[in-house]
Protein backbone atom coordinates (compact mmCIF):
# COMPACT_ATOMS: atom_id res chain seq x y z
CA MET A 1 -8.49 60.40 -161.92
CA LEU A 2 -6.18 59.66 -164.85
CA LEU A 3 -4.18 62.81 -164.13
CA TRP A 4 -3.43 61.41 -160.67
CA VAL A 5 -2.36 58.10 -162.19
CA LYS A 6 -0.11 59.98 -164.64
CA ALA A 7 1.39 62.05 -161.82
CA PHE A 8 2.23 58.98 -159.76
CA HIS A 9 3.53 57.24 -162.90
CA VAL A 10 6.02 60.11 -163.36
CA ILE A 11 6.96 60.10 -159.65
CA ALA A 12 7.56 56.34 -159.76
CA MET A 13 9.61 56.76 -162.94
CA VAL A 14 11.82 59.36 -161.24
CA THR A 15 12.35 56.94 -158.33
CA TRP A 16 13.22 54.12 -160.72
CA PHE A 17 15.67 56.25 -162.68
CA ALA A 18 17.33 57.55 -159.51
CA GLY A 19 18.24 53.94 -158.76
CA LEU A 20 19.24 53.20 -162.35
CA PHE A 21 21.60 56.18 -162.29
CA TYR A 22 23.13 55.56 -158.87
CA LEU A 23 23.39 51.76 -158.61
CA PRO A 24 25.89 51.39 -161.48
CA ARG A 25 27.89 54.27 -159.93
CA LEU A 26 28.10 52.17 -156.76
CA PHE A 27 29.39 49.34 -158.96
CA VAL A 28 32.18 51.66 -160.18
CA TYR A 29 33.33 52.31 -156.62
CA HIS A 30 32.78 48.71 -155.53
CA ALA A 31 34.95 47.42 -158.39
CA ASP A 32 37.82 49.54 -157.01
CA THR A 33 37.33 48.30 -153.43
CA HIS A 34 39.54 45.46 -152.28
CA ASP A 35 39.02 45.30 -148.51
CA GLU A 36 36.37 43.24 -146.73
CA LEU A 37 34.82 46.16 -144.85
CA GLY A 38 34.40 48.14 -148.07
CA HIS A 39 32.94 45.11 -149.83
CA THR A 40 30.40 44.60 -147.03
CA ARG A 41 29.39 48.26 -147.05
CA PHE A 42 28.92 48.37 -150.81
CA CYS A 43 26.91 45.14 -150.76
CA THR A 44 24.58 46.64 -148.15
CA MET A 45 24.14 49.88 -150.11
CA GLU A 46 23.61 48.03 -153.40
CA LYS A 47 21.00 45.71 -151.91
CA ARG A 48 19.02 48.54 -150.30
CA LEU A 49 19.10 50.67 -153.44
CA SER A 50 18.17 47.66 -155.54
CA VAL A 51 15.02 47.12 -153.45
CA LEU A 52 13.96 50.78 -153.75
CA MET A 53 14.73 50.77 -157.46
CA SER A 54 12.61 47.65 -157.95
CA ILE A 55 9.69 49.23 -156.11
CA GLY A 56 9.98 52.25 -158.42
CA ALA A 57 10.11 49.97 -161.45
CA ALA A 58 7.06 47.97 -160.37
CA ALA A 59 5.06 51.12 -159.65
CA THR A 60 6.10 52.70 -162.97
CA ILE A 61 5.13 49.62 -164.94
CA GLY A 62 1.91 49.01 -163.02
CA LEU A 63 0.73 52.60 -163.37
CA GLY A 64 1.77 52.63 -167.03
CA LEU A 65 -0.32 49.53 -167.68
CA TRP A 66 -3.24 51.17 -165.88
CA LEU A 67 -2.93 54.18 -168.21
CA LEU A 68 -2.71 51.97 -171.30
CA ALA A 69 -5.83 50.07 -170.25
CA ALA A 70 -7.68 53.33 -169.59
CA TYR A 71 -6.79 54.78 -172.99
CA GLY A 72 -7.70 51.58 -174.81
CA GLY A 73 -6.69 49.76 -177.95
CA GLU A 74 -7.93 52.36 -180.44
CA TRP A 75 -5.80 55.04 -178.83
CA MET A 76 -2.84 52.67 -178.78
CA ALA A 77 -3.23 51.86 -182.48
CA ALA A 78 -3.34 55.57 -183.37
CA ASN A 79 -0.21 56.52 -181.40
CA GLY A 80 2.88 54.92 -182.91
CA TRP A 81 5.19 56.79 -180.55
CA MET A 82 3.81 54.68 -177.70
CA HIS A 83 4.94 51.49 -179.45
CA ALA A 84 8.48 52.89 -179.59
CA LYS A 85 8.27 54.01 -175.96
CA LEU A 86 7.13 50.55 -174.86
CA ALA A 87 10.03 48.96 -176.76
CA LEU A 88 12.40 51.29 -174.89
CA VAL A 89 10.74 50.41 -171.58
CA LEU A 90 11.35 46.72 -172.35
CA GLY A 91 15.02 47.58 -172.92
CA LEU A 92 15.05 49.46 -169.63
CA ILE A 93 13.59 46.43 -167.87
CA GLY A 94 16.44 44.40 -169.36
CA TYR A 95 18.97 46.92 -168.02
CA HIS A 96 17.27 46.75 -164.62
CA GLY A 97 17.71 42.97 -164.72
CA TRP A 98 21.38 43.39 -165.60
CA CYS A 99 21.76 45.60 -162.52
CA GLN A 100 20.14 42.92 -160.35
CA VAL A 101 22.57 40.32 -161.69
CA GLN A 102 25.50 42.62 -160.89
CA VAL A 103 24.28 43.09 -157.30
CA LYS A 104 24.27 39.31 -156.90
CA LYS A 105 27.70 38.91 -158.52
CA PHE A 106 29.23 41.53 -156.23
CA ARG A 107 27.61 39.94 -153.18
CA GLU A 108 29.08 36.56 -154.17
CA GLN A 109 32.43 38.20 -155.06
CA ARG A 110 32.15 36.97 -158.65
CA SER A 111 32.07 40.32 -160.43
CA SER A 112 34.66 40.57 -163.19
CA GLY A 113 33.75 44.07 -164.42
CA SER A 114 36.25 46.88 -164.09
CA ALA A 115 35.44 50.36 -162.83
CA GLY A 116 35.73 51.59 -166.43
CA TYR A 117 33.23 49.00 -167.63
CA PHE A 118 30.70 50.03 -164.99
CA ARG A 119 31.36 53.71 -165.73
CA LEU A 120 30.40 53.05 -169.36
CA MET A 121 27.34 50.99 -168.41
CA ASN A 122 26.29 53.84 -166.10
CA GLU A 123 25.54 55.99 -169.17
CA ILE A 124 22.91 53.65 -170.64
CA PRO A 125 19.94 54.88 -168.55
CA SER A 126 20.60 58.44 -169.74
CA VAL A 127 20.01 57.38 -173.34
CA PHE A 128 16.79 55.61 -172.38
CA LEU A 129 15.59 58.63 -170.39
CA VAL A 130 16.16 61.10 -173.21
CA LEU A 131 14.44 58.92 -175.80
CA ILE A 132 11.47 58.03 -173.58
CA VAL A 133 10.85 61.62 -172.48
CA VAL A 134 11.12 62.94 -176.05
CA LEU A 135 8.64 60.33 -177.25
CA ALA A 136 6.20 60.99 -174.39
CA VAL A 137 6.33 64.79 -174.67
CA VAL A 138 6.83 65.43 -178.41
CA LYS A 139 4.82 62.41 -179.67
CA PRO A 140 6.63 62.56 -183.03
CA PHE A 141 4.55 59.90 -184.80
């Protein structure tokens, strides 16, 4: 049963990251859009992607908590890499929240970020992904 939970945890994580990679890219293009039709289209795309991304996040976190509960406290205490992974996941949740704030700012036409700023912010999930996968696969400590 736990292998199924792990499999769906990974699938949900891929869904979440797809949104985390693409939503800030939409912000890049939205920041360069100055017509009302373009603004409306980007707001629609951002909102829809934001919903799917949030579903992926909730499923990833829920299934991850299920796995942690199944493995138990002793296992958790003996696997320091998991503590680091969970700290990174908290950071990722913060980044997810930042994305949600940006969706709202764009919708309200209050975004002050440039395309370059969003291009830079778009790289952050890549760092999280590399670190989380290395910790989960290599289990260095």
